[in-house]
Amino acid sequence: MSQQQETLSVRIGPALRQRLERMRERVVSETGQSVSISRIAKRVLESVRNHAVEVADLLAEPTEALSQMQRKREAGVALTTAEWALLVYFVVEGLKTVGGESGTPSVQTPTVCLLDAFMAVYEQCRPSTARDQQRVENLTIADRPPAGERRHVGRSGELRQIVADTRRRVLEETAVSPALALGAARNLSLLLDEDLVGVESINSALAPHWPALWPMAARGHYATTGRPVRRAVWAPLIEEAAGPVVAAGRVRLSLEVRQEVGVFMMFSGAGSVMYPITRYPELREFRMMLATLGPTVRLWDGRYFQGLLIDADESGVRFRGKGDRIVVGCQRADWDALRSLYQQAWERVEVQQTWARLTMEYGE
């Protein structure tokens, strides 16, 4: 006779409820499935040694948690299992933002990294093989095979072969599905949720992959919180914040280097206009649009900007910011001149150094 389960009703305070809610959000992110607060509470009671509670506490101050992890890595200090789990959580969130928009990053390199990181942990920590079938389904979700044709795993060696085959296919393809990258990230996240033996083994397996994991995690942090992972103490690289104004034809470009790189574009003529971009995410996409929009790519539809190459008596370019809805038009010669001015601006040492820092803070 099966043992009957007893229902337990308890009162919890706001702080504990917020902690359970953060744990619930992480589980939803990992699995893509809805789950109740009561189910999360049951998991905590059944596995009090699990680091999920520690991850929930880290999520209360995610920016500070990631900054602390950066400092530990720079000092050569090992991360805890919960900290690695937090990093991968934000990798998952970062991959959720990768879609069909212009300028979204390729997921080929992150997917290979995630597959390699997963197998490194899998080999060193020897987890239970009970979830291997789910791990395979996460990798094949992009292909969506019919139920009768799904690959079933009976031994860990079969999972290793499937991961190896997936990795080979990713390297051969020119366009990798974000769904596959997300499945690989979820596999790593779920693996870190298990009772793995030895935090030293986890660090040994994952430390080599930190440089590739961090940019996507920082992207996920920004997408989730709206903030970069920025150190509390920041010192400007130069005393004079405003850079020189450079000009070409009817276009002028003014640069400002502070905590962010700010660009002010001035188009002279009958409809003179000045258009500023003062934050890294928007400026990063504008630079990509500027480099891409031309004879071979005539339309840009990104997260922050839309651009169009116009065929008329006076061929020109139109672009607008999706946030401000300001439309700017210029001739092709002005657009080409603007591209040249940006290239000159990014040859400045202080711009390159600040841009490298911003890439680490916002992710890619």
Protein backbone atom coordinates (compact mmCIF):
# COMPACT_ATOMS: atom_id res chain seq x y z
CA MET A 1 0.00 0.00 0.00
CA SER A 2 1.41 3.38 -0.93
CA GLN A 3 2.09 5.76 1.91
CA GLN A 4 -0.39 8.59 2.07
CA GLN A 5 1.13 12.06 1.99
CA GLU A 6 0.08 14.56 4.60
CA THR A 7 -0.74 18.16 3.75
CA LEU A 8 1.06 20.70 5.90
CA SER A 9 -0.15 24.29 6.22
CA VAL A 10 2.31 26.89 7.54
CA ARG A 11 2.43 30.66 7.79
CA ILE A 12 5.48 32.38 6.29
CA GLY A 13 6.72 35.93 6.54
CA PRO A 14 7.31 38.34 3.65
CA ALA A 15 11.09 37.74 3.60
CA LEU A 16 10.73 33.96 3.26
CA ARG A 17 7.99 34.34 0.66
CA GLN A 18 10.25 36.62 -1.42
CA ARG A 19 13.05 34.06 -1.15
CA LEU A 20 10.72 31.26 -2.30
CA GLU A 21 9.48 33.47 -5.15
CA ARG A 22 13.05 34.04 -6.36
CA MET A 23 13.61 30.27 -6.24
CA ARG A 24 10.39 29.74 -8.19
CA GLU A 25 11.45 32.23 -10.90
CA ARG A 26 14.77 30.43 -11.29
CA VAL A 27 13.07 27.04 -11.68
CA VAL A 28 10.73 28.50 -14.32
CA SER A 29 13.78 29.91 -16.13
CA GLU A 30 15.56 26.54 -16.03
CA THR A 31 12.66 24.35 -17.12
CA GLY A 32 10.41 26.67 -19.10
CA GLN A 33 7.46 25.30 -17.12
CA SER A 34 5.26 26.96 -14.49
CA VAL A 35 5.60 25.86 -10.88
CA SER A 36 3.83 26.88 -7.67
CA ILE A 37 5.30 28.41 -4.52
CA SER A 38 4.11 25.40 -2.51
CA ARG A 39 6.03 23.05 -4.78
CA ILE A 40 9.19 25.10 -4.28
CA ALA A 41 8.68 25.02 -0.50
CA LYS A 42 8.33 21.23 -0.70
CA ARG A 43 11.64 20.99 -2.58
CA VAL A 44 13.38 23.06 0.08
CA LEU A 45 12.04 20.88 2.89
CA GLU A 46 13.01 17.68 1.08
CA SER A 47 16.56 18.83 0.31
CA VAL A 48 17.75 21.30 2.91
CA ARG A 49 21.39 20.72 1.84
CA ASN A 50 20.67 21.90 -1.69
CA HIS A 51 22.25 25.25 -2.59
CA ALA A 52 18.98 26.54 -4.11
CA VAL A 53 18.35 28.62 -0.99
CA GLU A 54 21.79 30.22 -1.31
CA VAL A 55 21.12 31.03 -4.97
CA ALA A 56 17.85 32.68 -3.97
CA ASP A 57 19.73 34.81 -1.45
CA LEU A 58 22.25 35.83 -4.13
CA LEU A 59 19.38 36.82 -6.42
CA ALA A 60 18.23 39.33 -3.80
CA GLU A 61 21.26 41.49 -4.78
CA PRO A 62 22.26 40.10 -8.20
CA THR A 63 24.50 42.98 -9.29
CA GLU A 64 26.57 42.85 -6.13
CA ALA A 65 26.68 39.04 -6.31
CA LEU A 66 28.06 39.07 -9.87
CA SER A 67 30.52 41.85 -9.02
CA GLN A 68 31.77 39.81 -6.07
CA MET A 69 32.17 36.79 -8.34
CA GLN A 70 34.24 38.89 -10.75
CA ARG A 71 36.51 40.01 -7.92
CA LYS A 72 36.93 36.44 -6.72
CA ARG A 73 37.84 35.25 -10.20
CA GLU A 74 40.40 38.07 -10.60
CA ALA A 75 41.94 37.10 -7.24
CA GLY A 76 42.06 33.42 -8.18
CA VAL A 77 39.50 32.45 -5.52
CA ALA A 78 37.19 29.53 -6.27
CA LEU A 79 33.46 30.15 -6.63
CA THR A 80 30.82 28.29 -4.68
CA THR A 81 28.40 25.94 -6.42
CA ALA A 82 25.63 28.49 -5.81
CA GLU A 83 27.66 31.21 -7.51
CA TRP A 84 28.25 29.06 -10.58
CA ALA A 85 24.51 28.27 -10.60
CA LEU A 86 23.74 32.00 -10.45
CA LEU A 87 26.06 32.67 -13.39
CA VAL A 88 24.37 30.00 -15.51
CA TYR A 89 20.93 31.29 -14.47
CA PHE A 90 21.79 34.64 -16.05
CA VAL A 91 23.23 32.87 -19.11
CA VAL A 92 19.78 31.31 -19.56
CA GLU A 93 18.15 34.73 -19.19
CA GLY A 94 20.59 36.21 -21.70
CA LEU A 95 19.84 33.54 -24.28
CA LYS A 96 16.11 34.23 -23.91
CA THR A 97 16.74 37.70 -25.38
CA VAL A 98 18.35 36.32 -28.55
CA GLY A 99 15.75 36.29 -31.30
CA GLY A 100 15.17 37.28 -34.89
CA GLU A 101 16.05 40.96 -34.52
CA SER A 102 18.82 42.56 -36.54
CA GLY A 103 22.09 42.70 -34.66
CA THR A 104 21.43 39.86 -32.23
CA PRO A 105 24.63 37.93 -31.49
CA SER A 106 25.38 34.52 -32.96
CA VAL A 107 24.87 31.73 -30.45
CA GLN A 108 27.29 29.30 -32.11
CA THR A 109 30.22 30.02 -29.76
CA PRO A 110 28.06 30.13 -26.59
CA THR A 111 26.40 26.84 -27.55
CA VAL A 112 29.73 25.06 -28.02
CA CYS A 113 30.94 26.51 -24.71
CA LEU A 114 27.81 25.36 -22.89
CA LEU A 115 28.05 21.85 -24.32
CA ASP A 116 31.71 21.63 -23.32
CA ALA A 117 31.03 23.04 -19.85
CA PHE A 118 28.17 20.59 -19.32
CA MET A 119 30.28 17.59 -20.28
CA ALA A 120 33.19 18.80 -18.12
CA VAL A 121 30.94 18.90 -15.04
CA TYR A 122 29.20 15.68 -16.05
CA GLU A 123 32.49 13.78 -16.36
CA GLN A 124 34.16 15.17 -13.24
CA CYS A 125 31.21 15.07 -10.85
CA ARG A 126 29.50 11.86 -12.03
CA PRO A 127 25.87 12.88 -11.46
CA SER A 128 22.91 10.53 -11.50
CA THR A 129 21.92 9.41 -15.00
CA ALA A 130 18.22 9.53 -14.09
CA ARG A 131 17.80 12.87 -15.90
CA ASP A 132 19.74 11.92 -19.03
CA GLN A 133 16.55 11.53 -21.06
CA GLN A 134 15.46 15.05 -20.15
CA ARG A 135 18.94 16.32 -21.04
CA VAL A 136 18.66 14.80 -24.51
CA GLU A 137 15.21 16.32 -25.02
CA ASN A 138 16.57 19.75 -24.09
CA LEU A 139 19.15 19.38 -26.87
CA THR A 140 16.65 18.20 -29.46
CA ILE A 141 13.93 20.75 -28.67
CA ALA A 142 14.96 22.90 -31.64
CA ASP A 143 14.40 19.97 -34.01
CA ARG A 144 11.06 18.99 -32.40
CA PRO A 145 11.06 15.35 -33.59
CA PRO A 146 7.77 13.43 -33.46
CA ALA A 147 7.19 11.62 -30.19
CA GLY A 148 7.74 8.21 -31.78
CA GLU A 149 11.09 9.25 -33.23
CA ARG A 150 12.69 10.74 -30.13
CA ARG A 151 16.08 9.38 -29.13
CA HIS A 152 15.94 7.45 -25.87
CA VAL A 153 18.97 7.14 -23.63
CA GLY A 154 19.71 4.01 -21.70
CA ARG A 155 23.35 4.56 -20.74
CA SER A 156 25.52 7.58 -20.02
CA GLY A 157 27.69 6.69 -23.02
CA GLU A 158 24.73 7.37 -25.29
CA LEU A 159 24.32 10.85 -23.80
CA ARG A 160 28.01 11.54 -24.39
CA GLN A 161 27.63 10.54 -28.04
CA ILE A 162 24.53 12.71 -28.49
CA VAL A 163 26.31 15.73 -26.98
CA ALA A 164 29.33 15.10 -29.22
CA ASP A 165 27.09 14.82 -32.30
CA THR A 166 25.28 18.03 -31.34
CA ARG A 167 28.57 19.87 -30.86
CA ARG A 168 29.81 18.74 -34.29
CA ARG A 169 26.58 19.84 -35.93
CA VAL A 170 26.73 23.26 -34.24
CA LEU A 171 30.24 23.85 -35.59
CA GLU A 172 29.13 22.90 -39.10
CA GLU A 173 26.03 25.10 -39.22
CA THR A 174 26.13 28.77 -40.17
CA ALA A 175 23.02 29.65 -38.14
CA VAL A 176 22.48 27.92 -34.80
CA SER A 177 19.00 27.94 -33.28
CA PRO A 178 18.73 29.98 -30.06
CA ALA A 179 16.44 27.19 -28.79
CA LEU A 180 19.36 24.75 -28.95
CA ALA A 181 21.62 27.17 -27.06
CA LEU A 182 18.89 27.64 -24.47
CA GLY A 183 18.50 23.88 -24.10
CA ALA A 184 22.24 23.47 -23.56
CA ALA A 185 22.21 26.23 -20.93
CA ARG A 186 19.27 24.67 -19.13
CA ASN A 187 21.07 21.33 -19.07
CA LEU A 188 24.02 22.93 -17.31
CA SER A 189 21.75 24.81 -14.92
CA LEU A 190 19.81 21.66 -13.99
CA LEU A 191 23.05 19.73 -13.56
CA LEU A 192 24.34 22.29 -11.07
CA ASP A 193 21.09 21.88 -9.11
CA GLU A 194 21.92 18.27 -8.33
CA ASP A 195 23.83 17.11 -5.26
CA LEU A 196 27.22 17.08 -6.97
CA VAL A 197 30.27 15.92 -5.07
CA GLY A 198 33.13 18.38 -4.64
CA VAL A 199 33.03 22.11 -5.30
CA GLU A 200 36.69 21.76 -6.31
CA SER A 201 35.66 19.53 -9.21
CA ILE A 202 32.98 22.01 -10.28
CA ASN A 203 35.53 24.85 -10.31
CA SER A 204 38.02 22.71 -12.20
CA ALA A 205 35.37 21.92 -14.81
CA LEU A 206 33.88 25.39 -15.24
CA ALA A 207 36.74 27.83 -14.63
CA PRO A 208 38.16 27.45 -18.18
CA HIS A 209 34.74 28.43 -19.57
CA TRP A 210 34.31 31.62 -17.50
CA PRO A 211 35.49 33.98 -20.31
CA ALA A 212 32.84 32.62 -22.68
CA LEU A 213 30.05 32.35 -20.09
CA TRP A 214 30.42 35.81 -18.59
CA PRO A 215 29.37 37.99 -21.59
CA MET A 216 26.06 36.13 -21.99
CA ALA A 217 25.48 36.17 -18.21
CA ALA A 218 26.07 39.94 -18.11
CA ARG A 219 23.60 40.28 -21.00
CA GLY A 220 21.04 38.27 -19.03
CA HIS A 221 21.65 40.38 -15.92
CA TYR A 222 21.03 43.58 -17.90
CA ALA A 223 17.91 42.13 -19.51
CA THR A 224 16.58 41.12 -16.08
CA THR A 225 17.56 44.12 -13.95
CA GLY A 226 18.10 46.95 -16.45
CA ARG A 227 21.52 47.59 -14.89
CA PRO A 228 25.09 46.78 -15.95
CA VAL A 229 27.39 44.81 -13.65
CA ARG A 230 29.35 47.88 -12.61
CA ARG A 231 31.84 48.23 -9.78
CA ALA A 232 30.79 50.61 -7.01
CA VAL A 233 34.07 52.54 -7.33
CA TRP A 234 34.68 53.93 -10.80
CA ALA A 235 37.46 56.26 -11.91
CA PRO A 236 37.39 58.05 -15.29
CA LEU A 237 40.13 57.21 -17.72
CA ILE A 238 40.67 60.82 -18.80
CA GLU A 239 40.29 64.17 -17.08
CA GLU A 240 38.61 65.86 -20.02
CA ALA A 241 35.34 64.04 -20.61
CA ALA A 242 34.46 65.68 -23.89
CA GLY A 243 36.35 64.50 -26.92
CA PRO A 244 36.99 66.56 -30.05
CA VAL A 245 34.39 67.26 -32.65
CA VAL A 246 35.24 65.58 -35.95
CA ALA A 247 33.54 66.42 -39.19
CA ALA A 248 33.21 65.10 -42.72
CA GLY A 249 31.06 66.91 -45.27
CA ARG A 250 27.72 67.79 -43.69
CA VAL A 251 28.17 65.45 -40.71
CA ARG A 252 29.79 66.24 -37.37
CA LEU A 253 30.48 63.84 -34.53
CA SER A 254 31.09 64.82 -30.92
CA LEU A 255 32.34 62.28 -28.39
CA GLU A 256 32.00 62.14 -24.61
CA VAL A 257 33.82 59.53 -22.53
CA ARG A 258 32.72 59.18 -18.93
CA GLN A 259 31.13 56.17 -17.27
CA GLU A 260 29.56 55.54 -20.68
CA VAL A 261 30.62 56.50 -24.19
CA GLY A 262 28.29 59.18 -25.51
CA VAL A 263 28.03 60.12 -29.18
CA PHE A 264 26.34 63.24 -30.55
CA MET A 265 25.70 63.22 -34.31
CA MET A 266 24.95 66.48 -36.10
CA PHE A 267 23.55 66.54 -39.63
CA SER A 268 23.66 70.02 -41.23
CA GLY A 269 21.56 71.24 -44.13
CA ALA A 270 18.01 72.42 -44.61
CA GLY A 271 16.69 70.09 -41.89
CA SER A 272 19.55 70.28 -39.41
CA VAL A 273 19.31 67.77 -36.58
CA MET A 274 21.41 66.58 -33.65
CA TYR A 275 20.92 62.97 -32.52
CA PRO A 276 22.52 61.74 -29.26
CA ILE A 277 23.21 58.15 -28.13
CA THR A 278 24.51 57.94 -24.58
CA ARG A 279 24.18 54.30 -23.48
CA TYR A 280 26.17 51.23 -24.45
CA PRO A 281 23.32 48.90 -25.58
CA GLU A 282 21.88 51.46 -28.03
CA LEU A 283 25.30 52.63 -29.22
CA ARG A 284 26.48 49.07 -29.77
CA GLU A 285 23.50 48.35 -32.01
CA PHE A 286 23.80 51.67 -33.87
CA ARG A 287 27.44 50.89 -34.70
CA MET A 288 26.35 47.50 -36.05
CA MET A 289 23.57 49.10 -38.10
CA LEU A 290 25.99 51.72 -39.43
CA ALA A 291 28.46 49.03 -40.50
CA THR A 292 25.79 46.76 -42.00
CA LEU A 293 23.19 48.94 -43.71
CA GLY A 294 24.22 49.43 -47.32
CA PRO A 295 23.80 48.07 -50.85
CA THR A 296 23.62 44.41 -49.73
CA VAL A 297 21.59 44.91 -46.52
CA ARG A 298 18.85 47.46 -47.10
CA LEU A 299 16.72 46.98 -43.98
CA TRP A 300 17.58 46.93 -40.29
CA ASP A 301 15.08 46.04 -37.57
CA GLY A 302 16.84 45.68 -34.22
CA ARG A 303 15.94 45.98 -30.57
CA TYR A 304 16.61 49.72 -30.43
CA PHE A 305 16.74 50.99 -34.04
CA GLN A 306 15.12 50.62 -37.42
CA GLY A 307 16.96 51.62 -40.57
CA LEU A 308 16.10 51.70 -44.26
CA LEU A 309 18.13 52.28 -47.40
CA ILE A 310 15.96 54.31 -49.80
CA ASP A 311 16.09 54.14 -53.58
CA ALA A 312 15.17 57.50 -55.08
CA ASP A 313 16.64 60.28 -57.19
CA GLU A 314 18.82 61.14 -54.21
CA SER A 315 19.50 57.80 -52.57
CA GLY A 316 19.47 58.12 -48.81
CA VAL A 317 19.12 56.44 -45.46
CA ARG A 318 16.38 56.78 -42.87
CA PHE A 319 16.72 55.54 -39.30
CA ARG A 320 14.75 55.97 -36.11
CA GLY A 321 15.14 55.05 -32.48
CA LYS A 322 12.37 52.78 -31.26
CA GLY A 323 12.47 54.43 -27.84
CA ASP A 324 12.28 58.07 -28.92
CA ARG A 325 10.61 57.56 -32.36
CA ILE A 326 12.77 60.34 -33.81
CA VAL A 327 13.29 59.84 -37.55
CA VAL A 328 16.54 61.04 -39.08
CA GLY A 329 17.18 61.13 -42.82
CA CYS A 330 20.45 61.69 -44.62
CA GLN A 331 22.01 61.13 -48.02
CA ARG A 332 24.11 58.07 -48.72
CA ALA A 333 27.24 60.22 -48.78
CA ASP A 334 26.41 61.47 -45.27
CA TRP A 335 25.87 57.90 -44.05
CA ASP A 336 29.23 56.81 -45.47
CA ALA A 337 30.90 59.86 -43.89
CA LEU A 338 29.30 59.01 -40.55
CA ARG A 339 30.67 55.48 -40.79
CA SER A 340 34.16 56.88 -41.35
CA LEU A 341 33.84 59.26 -38.38
CA TYR A 342 32.83 56.39 -36.08
CA GLN A 343 35.85 54.41 -37.21
CA GLN A 344 38.09 57.36 -36.38
CA ALA A 345 36.46 57.81 -32.98
CA TRP A 346 36.96 54.16 -32.04
CA GLU A 347 40.67 54.41 -32.83
CA ARG A 348 41.08 56.57 -29.71
CA VAL A 349 42.70 54.65 -26.85
CA GLU A 350 40.34 55.96 -24.17
CA VAL A 351 37.32 54.94 -26.25
CA GLN A 352 38.68 51.44 -26.81
CA GLN A 353 39.44 50.99 -23.10
CA THR A 354 36.06 52.30 -21.98
CA TRP A 355 34.28 50.22 -24.61
CA ALA A 356 36.06 47.06 -23.43
CA ARG A 357 34.92 47.77 -19.86
CA LEU A 358 31.34 48.43 -20.96
CA THR A 359 31.30 45.13 -22.89
CA MET A 360 32.13 43.31 -19.65
CA GLU A 361 29.49 45.27 -17.73
CA TYR A 362 26.61 44.89 -20.19
CA GLY A 363 27.59 41.64 -21.91
CA GLU A 364 27.13 40.69 -25.53
